[in-house]
Structures are given as structure tokens and as C-alpha cells.
């Protein structure tokens, strides 16, 4: 079955609309890729409460090779209050992903630990 043809005199607007939509999609894809390339990401892998004053936190940092990164790691209580904070510098290396294991000192017994933020340094 053949497709219906546009009404006479509207073909030009169909072409302009199609070109406009194509440009809009291309722009959205370009902006999305431009904002994500070179971005620093991290993944919390584990935590272990060692005692009443410390928690061990493990995490992976994903960044461009040879890029130094500083991560803020925190320990939390049951109400998600922050009990301790540690800034960790991940030195540059040839690897894109690096695993880190750190001990965060706390004011009282923590129930968890995680990375709050990582940024290039």
C-alpha cells in the first residue's frame, strides 16, 4: 500500500521540519557526549566497620589515564549523618580504573561508608 502524499503546498514544511528534527537530535547527541567524555566516575565496592572509631571503604575510580583525582570519602551513622570525612588523592597512572581501599576515622561507631564525590585535581 503506497504512503499518502502530503497536501499540496505543505511539502516544503515537511522537509524543513525533518531537517530541523535531525539537527536537534544531532545537537543533543553531541552535547551528551561532550559532557561525558573525560568525566570522573566512581563505584563504591565495599565497606567494613573496623571498630567504634573507624570504617574501611573500598571504591573504584574511573578516569582518563594519567589524570590525578581527589575523592571525598565519608563514614555515616544510621541516620545518614556524617561521622568522618577523608580526602584521598588518587595519583595518575596508565590504567583507566584504579581500586582504592582507605580507612576513615570516625567520631562514633559508623554503620557505612561511601565516596561522596571525585573530581580532577
N, C-alpha and C. Protein backbone atom coordinates (compact mmCIF):
# COMPACT_ATOMS: atom_id res chain seq x y z
N UNK A 1 0.84 -1.15 0.00
CA UNK A 1 0.00 0.00 0.00
C UNK A 1 0.91 1.24 0.00
N UNK A 2 0.69 2.16 -0.93
CA UNK A 2 1.55 3.35 -1.01
C UNK A 2 1.25 4.32 0.14
N UNK A 3 2.28 5.06 0.54
CA UNK A 3 2.11 6.08 1.58
C UNK A 3 1.36 7.27 1.01
N UNK A 4 0.52 7.90 1.85
CA UNK A 4 -0.20 9.08 1.35
C UNK A 4 0.76 10.25 1.15
N UNK A 5 0.48 11.04 0.17
CA UNK A 5 1.31 12.22 -0.13
C UNK A 5 0.83 13.40 0.69
N UNK A 6 1.76 14.29 1.06
CA UNK A 6 1.34 15.49 1.78
C UNK A 6 0.42 16.35 0.92
N UNK A 7 -0.37 17.15 1.61
CA UNK A 7 -1.28 18.05 0.89
C UNK A 7 -0.46 19.02 0.05
N UNK A 8 -0.99 19.46 -1.08
CA UNK A 8 -0.25 20.39 -1.92
C UNK A 8 0.15 21.65 -1.15
N UNK A 9 1.38 22.08 -1.33
CA UNK A 9 1.88 23.29 -0.69
C UNK A 9 2.47 23.07 0.69
N UNK A 10 2.39 21.84 1.25
CA UNK A 10 2.93 21.57 2.59
C UNK A 10 4.22 20.76 2.54
N UNK A 11 4.63 20.33 1.38
CA UNK A 11 5.84 19.52 1.25
C UNK A 11 7.08 20.24 1.75
N UNK A 12 7.16 21.55 1.47
CA UNK A 12 8.32 22.32 1.91
C UNK A 12 8.43 22.30 3.44
N UNK A 13 7.30 22.41 4.15
CA UNK A 13 7.32 22.42 5.62
C UNK A 13 7.69 21.05 6.18
N UNK A 14 7.32 19.99 5.47
CA UNK A 14 7.74 18.65 5.89
C UNK A 14 9.26 18.52 5.80
N UNK A 15 9.84 19.04 4.75
CA UNK A 15 11.29 18.99 4.57
C UNK A 15 11.98 19.83 5.65
N UNK A 16 11.49 21.04 5.89
CA UNK A 16 12.08 21.92 6.91
C UNK A 16 11.96 21.28 8.30
N UNK A 17 10.82 20.69 8.61
CA UNK A 17 10.61 20.02 9.90
C UNK A 17 11.54 18.82 10.08
N UNK A 18 11.70 18.03 9.01
CA UNK A 18 12.59 16.87 9.07
C UNK A 18 14.04 17.30 9.29
N UNK A 19 14.47 18.32 8.57
CA UNK A 19 15.85 18.83 8.74
C UNK A 19 16.03 19.40 10.15
N UNK A 20 15.04 20.14 10.64
CA UNK A 20 15.12 20.70 11.99
C UNK A 20 15.21 19.63 13.06
N UNK A 21 14.40 18.57 12.93
CA UNK A 21 14.45 17.47 13.90
C UNK A 21 15.80 16.76 13.85
N UNK A 22 16.33 16.55 12.66
CA UNK A 22 17.64 15.90 12.51
C UNK A 22 18.74 16.73 13.17
N UNK A 23 18.72 18.02 12.96
CA UNK A 23 19.71 18.91 13.58
C UNK A 23 19.56 18.89 15.10
N UNK A 24 18.33 18.90 15.59
CA UNK A 24 18.09 18.87 17.04
C UNK A 24 18.60 17.59 17.68
N UNK A 25 18.36 16.45 17.06
CA UNK A 25 18.84 15.17 17.59
C UNK A 25 20.36 15.12 17.56
N UNK A 26 20.97 15.58 16.46
CA UNK A 26 22.44 15.60 16.36
C UNK A 26 23.04 16.49 17.43
N UNK A 27 22.44 17.64 17.69
CA UNK A 27 22.93 18.55 18.72
C UNK A 27 22.82 17.93 20.10
N UNK A 28 21.72 17.25 20.38
CA UNK A 28 21.53 16.61 21.69
C UNK A 28 22.56 15.50 21.91
N UNK A 29 22.83 14.70 20.89
CA UNK A 29 23.83 13.64 20.99
C UNK A 29 25.21 14.25 21.20
N UNK A 30 25.55 15.28 20.45
CA UNK A 30 26.86 15.93 20.59
C UNK A 30 27.05 16.50 21.99
N UNK A 31 26.04 17.20 22.51
CA UNK A 31 26.15 17.77 23.86
C UNK A 31 26.28 16.68 24.92
N UNK A 32 25.54 15.60 24.77
CA UNK A 32 25.63 14.49 25.72
C UNK A 32 27.01 13.86 25.74
N UNK A 33 27.58 13.64 24.58
CA UNK A 33 28.92 13.05 24.51
C UNK A 33 29.98 14.03 25.00
N UNK A 34 29.85 15.30 24.66
CA UNK A 34 30.84 16.29 25.07
C UNK A 34 30.88 16.43 26.59
N UNK A 35 29.74 16.29 27.26
CA UNK A 35 29.70 16.42 28.71
C UNK A 35 30.16 15.18 29.44
N UNK A 36 30.16 14.02 28.80
CA UNK A 36 30.54 12.80 29.49
C UNK A 36 31.97 12.35 29.20
N UNK A 37 32.57 12.79 28.11
CA UNK A 37 33.94 12.40 27.81
C UNK A 37 34.90 13.06 28.79
N UNK A 38 35.78 12.28 29.36
CA UNK A 38 36.75 12.82 30.30
C UNK A 38 36.19 13.01 31.70
N UNK A 39 34.96 12.61 31.94
CA UNK A 39 34.36 12.77 33.26
C UNK A 39 34.93 11.72 34.22
N UNK A 40 35.01 12.09 35.47
CA UNK A 40 35.47 11.19 36.52
C UNK A 40 34.25 10.53 37.14
N UNK A 41 34.27 9.19 37.22
CA UNK A 41 33.19 8.45 37.87
C UNK A 41 33.80 7.52 38.91
N UNK A 42 32.99 7.04 39.80
CA UNK A 42 33.46 6.13 40.84
C UNK A 42 32.37 5.13 41.16
N UNK A 43 32.79 4.00 41.73
CA UNK A 43 31.88 2.94 42.12
C UNK A 43 32.27 2.48 43.52
N UNK A 44 31.35 2.58 44.47
CA UNK A 44 31.60 2.03 45.80
C UNK A 44 31.59 0.52 45.69
N UNK A 45 32.61 -0.14 46.22
CA UNK A 45 32.67 -1.60 46.12
C UNK A 45 32.36 -2.29 47.43
N UNK A 46 32.83 -1.73 48.55
CA UNK A 46 32.57 -2.36 49.84
C UNK A 46 32.90 -1.41 50.97
N UNK A 47 32.44 -1.77 52.15
CA UNK A 47 32.85 -1.08 53.38
C UNK A 47 32.82 -2.10 54.50
N UNK A 48 33.64 -1.83 55.51
CA UNK A 48 33.71 -2.73 56.66
C UNK A 48 33.94 -1.87 57.90
N UNK A 49 33.05 -1.99 58.86
CA UNK A 49 33.21 -1.28 60.12
C UNK A 49 34.28 -2.02 60.91
N UNK A 50 35.41 -1.36 61.16
CA UNK A 50 36.53 -2.00 61.84
C UNK A 50 36.35 -1.98 63.36
N UNK A 51 35.94 -0.82 63.89
CA UNK A 51 35.71 -0.68 65.33
C UNK A 51 34.84 0.55 65.55
N UNK A 52 34.75 1.01 66.80
CA UNK A 52 33.91 2.17 67.11
C UNK A 52 34.44 3.47 66.55
N UNK A 53 35.66 3.51 66.07
CA UNK A 53 36.28 4.76 65.61
C UNK A 53 36.78 4.72 64.17
N UNK A 54 36.47 3.66 63.40
CA UNK A 54 36.96 3.63 62.02
C UNK A 54 36.14 2.69 61.16
N UNK A 55 36.11 3.01 59.88
CA UNK A 55 35.45 2.19 58.87
C UNK A 55 36.35 2.14 57.64
N UNK A 56 36.45 0.97 57.05
CA UNK A 56 37.26 0.78 55.84
C UNK A 56 36.34 0.84 54.64
N UNK A 57 36.69 1.66 53.64
CA UNK A 57 35.86 1.85 52.46
C UNK A 57 36.67 1.48 51.22
N UNK A 58 36.08 0.69 50.35
CA UNK A 58 36.70 0.32 49.08
C UNK A 58 35.91 0.92 47.92
N UNK A 59 36.62 1.40 46.92
CA UNK A 59 35.95 2.00 45.76
C UNK A 59 36.86 1.96 44.55
N UNK A 60 36.24 2.01 43.38
CA UNK A 60 36.96 2.08 42.11
C UNK A 60 36.77 3.47 41.52
N UNK A 61 37.86 4.04 41.00
CA UNK A 61 37.81 5.35 40.34
C UNK A 61 38.05 5.12 38.86
N UNK A 62 37.17 5.67 38.02
CA UNK A 62 37.29 5.56 36.57
C UNK A 62 37.53 6.97 36.02
N UNK A 63 38.68 7.15 35.37
CA UNK A 63 39.04 8.47 34.83
C UNK A 63 39.98 8.29 33.65
N UNK A 64 40.29 9.39 33.00
CA UNK A 64 41.22 9.34 31.88
C UNK A 64 42.59 8.90 32.38
N UNK A 65 43.30 8.12 31.59
CA UNK A 65 44.64 7.72 32.01
C UNK A 65 45.52 8.96 32.26
N UNK A 66 46.43 8.83 33.18
CA UNK A 66 47.36 9.90 33.55
C UNK A 66 46.66 11.13 34.11
N UNK A 67 45.48 10.96 34.73
CA UNK A 67 44.77 12.07 35.35
C UNK A 67 44.71 11.83 36.86
N UNK A 68 45.16 12.82 37.63
CA UNK A 68 45.07 12.74 39.08
C UNK A 68 43.67 13.13 39.52
N UNK A 69 43.17 12.46 40.56
CA UNK A 69 41.81 12.67 41.03
C UNK A 69 41.84 12.78 42.56
N UNK A 70 40.99 13.63 43.11
CA UNK A 70 40.81 13.70 44.56
C UNK A 70 39.38 13.30 44.88
N UNK A 71 39.25 12.32 45.79
CA UNK A 71 37.94 11.82 46.18
C UNK A 71 37.67 12.13 47.65
N UNK A 72 36.43 12.44 47.95
CA UNK A 72 35.99 12.67 49.31
C UNK A 72 35.22 11.43 49.76
N UNK A 73 35.76 10.75 50.78
CA UNK A 73 35.15 9.53 51.31
C UNK A 73 34.59 9.86 52.68
N UNK A 74 33.39 9.38 52.96
CA UNK A 74 32.78 9.68 54.26
C UNK A 74 32.19 8.44 54.91
N UNK A 75 32.13 8.49 56.23
CA UNK A 75 31.50 7.45 57.03
C UNK A 75 30.20 8.02 57.58
N UNK A 76 29.16 7.17 57.64
CA UNK A 76 27.85 7.64 58.07
C UNK A 76 27.29 6.81 59.21
N UNK A 77 26.39 7.44 59.97
CA UNK A 77 25.67 6.72 61.01
C UNK A 77 24.34 6.22 60.45
N UNK A 78 23.50 5.65 61.31
CA UNK A 78 22.23 5.06 60.85
C UNK A 78 21.28 6.09 60.27
N UNK A 79 21.39 7.35 60.69
CA UNK A 79 20.51 8.40 60.18
C UNK A 79 21.17 9.14 59.01
N UNK A 80 22.19 8.57 58.41
CA UNK A 80 22.95 9.14 57.29
C UNK A 80 23.69 10.42 57.66
N UNK A 81 23.93 10.60 58.95
CA UNK A 81 24.75 11.71 59.39
C UNK A 81 26.23 11.39 59.15
N UNK A 82 27.00 12.40 58.85
CA UNK A 82 28.43 12.19 58.54
C UNK A 82 29.21 12.15 59.85
N UNK A 83 29.96 11.05 60.05
CA UNK A 83 30.76 10.87 61.25
C UNK A 83 32.24 11.13 61.00
N UNK A 84 32.66 11.02 59.76
CA UNK A 84 34.06 11.24 59.43
C UNK A 84 34.23 11.44 57.94
N UNK A 85 35.21 12.25 57.57
CA UNK A 85 35.47 12.55 56.16
C UNK A 85 36.96 12.43 55.90
N UNK A 86 37.32 11.87 54.75
CA UNK A 86 38.72 11.74 54.36
C UNK A 86 38.84 12.10 52.89
N UNK A 87 39.77 12.98 52.57
CA UNK A 87 40.06 13.32 51.18
C UNK A 87 41.22 12.43 50.73
N UNK A 88 41.03 11.73 49.62
CA UNK A 88 42.01 10.78 49.10
C UNK A 88 42.47 11.25 47.73
N UNK A 89 43.77 11.36 47.55
CA UNK A 89 44.31 11.72 46.23
C UNK A 89 44.70 10.43 45.51
N UNK A 90 44.12 10.24 44.34
CA UNK A 90 44.44 9.09 43.50
C UNK A 90 45.44 9.59 42.45
N UNK A 91 46.69 9.13 42.51
CA UNK A 91 47.70 9.65 41.58
C UNK A 91 47.44 9.19 40.15
N UNK A 92 48.02 9.89 39.18
CA UNK A 92 47.85 9.47 37.78
C UNK A 92 48.54 8.13 37.54
N UNK A 93 47.99 7.38 36.60
CA UNK A 93 48.58 6.09 36.21
C UNK A 93 48.15 5.78 34.78
N UNK A 94 48.67 4.72 34.25
CA UNK A 94 48.33 4.32 32.89
C UNK A 94 46.98 3.62 32.82
N UNK A 95 46.44 3.21 33.96
CA UNK A 95 45.17 2.49 34.00
C UNK A 95 43.99 3.46 34.05
N UNK A 96 42.90 3.10 33.38
CA UNK A 96 41.68 3.93 33.43
C UNK A 96 40.95 3.75 34.75
N UNK A 97 40.96 2.55 35.30
CA UNK A 97 40.26 2.26 36.56
C UNK A 97 41.27 1.86 37.62
N UNK A 98 41.10 2.42 38.82
CA UNK A 98 42.00 2.14 39.93
C UNK A 98 41.16 1.80 41.15
N UNK A 99 41.53 0.75 41.87
CA UNK A 99 40.83 0.37 43.10
C UNK A 99 41.57 0.99 44.29
N UNK A 100 40.80 1.57 45.20
CA UNK A 100 41.36 2.18 46.41
C UNK A 100 40.69 1.57 47.63
N UNK A 101 41.46 1.41 48.70
CA UNK A 101 40.95 0.92 49.98
C UNK A 101 41.48 1.88 51.04
N UNK A 102 40.60 2.59 51.74
CA UNK A 102 41.03 3.59 52.72
C UNK A 102 40.29 3.36 54.04
N UNK A 103 40.90 3.87 55.11
CA UNK A 103 40.29 3.81 56.44
C UNK A 103 39.90 5.23 56.85
N UNK A 104 38.62 5.42 57.17
CA UNK A 104 38.10 6.71 57.59
C UNK A 104 37.93 6.67 59.10
N UNK A 105 38.54 7.62 59.80
CA UNK A 105 38.39 7.75 61.25
C UNK A 105 37.05 8.43 61.53
N UNK A 106 36.35 7.95 62.58
CA UNK A 106 35.02 8.47 62.87
C UNK A 106 34.92 9.00 64.29
N UNK A 107 33.88 9.78 64.55
CA UNK A 107 33.63 10.33 65.88
C UNK A 107 32.94 9.31 66.78
N UNK A 108 32.16 8.42 66.18
CA UNK A 108 31.48 7.35 66.91
C UNK A 108 31.33 6.17 65.95
N UNK A 109 30.62 5.13 66.38
CA UNK A 109 30.50 3.93 65.54
C UNK A 109 29.70 4.22 64.27
N UNK A 110 30.28 3.92 63.14
CA UNK A 110 29.63 4.11 61.84
C UNK A 110 28.88 2.84 61.45
N UNK A 111 27.91 3.02 60.54
CA UNK A 111 27.20 1.86 60.00
C UNK A 111 27.48 1.69 58.51
N UNK A 112 28.22 2.64 57.91
CA UNK A 112 28.53 2.54 56.49
C UNK A 112 29.54 3.58 56.06
N UNK A 113 30.02 3.40 54.84
CA UNK A 113 30.96 4.34 54.27
C UNK A 113 30.81 4.36 52.77
N UNK A 114 31.07 5.53 52.17
CA UNK A 114 30.93 5.63 50.72
C UNK A 114 31.70 6.83 50.22
N UNK A 115 31.88 6.89 48.90
CA UNK A 115 32.51 8.03 48.26
C UNK A 115 31.42 9.08 48.04
N UNK A 116 31.70 10.28 48.47
CA UNK A 116 30.75 11.39 48.28
C UNK A 116 30.94 12.05 46.93
N UNK A 117 32.22 12.25 46.54
CA UNK A 117 32.48 12.97 45.30
C UNK A 117 33.92 12.72 44.88
N UNK A 118 34.17 12.70 43.57
CA UNK A 118 35.51 12.64 43.00
C UNK A 118 35.63 13.70 41.92
N UNK A 119 36.77 14.36 41.88
CA UNK A 119 36.99 15.42 40.89
C UNK A 119 38.46 15.44 40.50
N UNK A 120 38.77 15.88 39.28
CA UNK A 120 40.17 16.00 38.87
C UNK A 120 40.91 16.97 39.80
N UNK A 121 42.17 16.65 40.06
CA UNK A 121 42.95 17.55 40.93
C UNK A 121 44.19 18.05 40.22
